[in-house]
Amino acid sequence: MTTITHSNFYNFTCKVCDVIRKSLVGAFAFIIATGETAGRARAAAELHRQGYHKEAKALILDKNIEDV
């Protein structure tokens, strides 16, 4: 292979790797965000069930309890 051909092949594979990496990072971020949302919802439901209504509302609205 010549240097030009090798360089073009390398640039192509780097672009493919960048697309794959960005897709995987995006999917990982989506999974983390979904898990956090589900965890907050479960925690708020449990707080509400136990009678901590203000705390549950603050958790869902992403506020500090001191602000409520």
Protein backbone atom coordinates (compact mmCIF):
# COMPACT_ATOMS: atom_id res chain seq x y z
CA MET A 1 0.00 0.00 0.00
CA THR A 2 1.16 3.47 -0.67
CA THR A 3 1.13 6.17 1.93
CA ILE A 4 -1.85 7.92 0.32
CA THR A 5 -3.96 4.76 0.21
CA HIS A 6 -3.04 3.85 3.76
CA SER A 7 -3.84 7.36 4.94
CA ASN A 8 -7.26 7.35 3.21
CA PHE A 9 -8.09 3.95 4.68
CA TYR A 10 -7.03 5.15 8.13
CA ASN A 11 -9.16 8.30 7.83
CA PHE A 12 -12.17 6.22 6.77
CA THR A 13 -11.83 3.79 9.65
CA CYS A 14 -11.37 6.66 12.10
CA LYS A 15 -14.60 8.23 10.88
CA VAL A 16 -16.43 4.92 11.28
CA CYS A 17 -15.00 4.53 14.79
CA ASP A 18 -16.10 8.07 15.66
CA VAL A 19 -19.66 7.35 14.56
CA ILE A 20 -19.75 4.10 16.54
CA ARG A 21 -18.22 5.77 19.60
CA LYS A 22 -20.71 8.65 19.52
CA SER A 23 -23.60 6.21 19.14
CA LEU A 24 -22.44 4.11 22.07
CA VAL A 25 -21.86 7.16 24.27
CA GLY A 26 -25.34 8.44 23.41
CA ALA A 27 -26.93 5.07 24.17
CA PHE A 28 -25.05 4.84 27.48
CA ALA A 29 -26.17 8.36 28.47
CA PHE A 30 -29.77 7.46 27.58
CA ILE A 31 -29.64 4.31 29.73
CA ILE A 32 -28.21 6.25 32.68
CA ALA A 33 -30.83 9.00 32.35
CA THR A 34 -33.66 6.48 32.09
CA GLY A 35 -32.44 4.61 35.15
CA GLU A 36 -32.15 7.82 37.15
CA THR A 37 -35.65 8.88 36.17
CA ALA A 38 -37.10 5.50 37.12
CA GLY A 39 -35.23 5.56 40.44
CA ARG A 40 -36.50 9.03 41.27
CA ALA A 41 -40.06 8.00 40.44
CA ARG A 42 -39.85 4.91 42.65
CA ALA A 43 -38.34 6.91 45.51
CA ALA A 44 -41.00 9.61 45.20
CA ALA A 45 -43.75 6.99 45.18
CA GLU A 46 -42.35 5.44 48.34
CA LEU A 47 -42.05 8.82 50.04
CA HIS A 48 -45.61 9.66 49.06
CA ARG A 49 -46.83 6.30 50.36
CA GLN A 50 -45.15 6.99 53.71
CA GLY A 51 -46.77 10.43 53.95
CA TYR A 52 -43.81 12.62 52.97
CA HIS A 53 -45.73 14.49 50.30
CA LYS A 54 -43.59 17.65 50.23
CA GLU A 55 -40.39 15.63 49.93
CA ALA A 56 -41.85 13.48 47.15
CA LYS A 57 -42.94 16.57 45.23
CA ALA A 58 -39.52 18.18 45.68
CA LEU A 59 -37.84 15.01 44.43
CA ILE A 60 -40.00 14.86 41.31
CA LEU A 61 -39.62 18.59 40.61
CA ASP A 62 -35.85 18.35 41.25
CA LYS A 63 -35.87 20.92 44.04
CA ASN A 64 -34.07 20.98 47.36
CA ILE A 65 -36.22 20.06 50.33
CA GLU A 66 -35.20 23.32 52.03
CA ASP A 67 -36.82 25.27 49.16
CA VAL A 68 -40.24 23.69 49.73
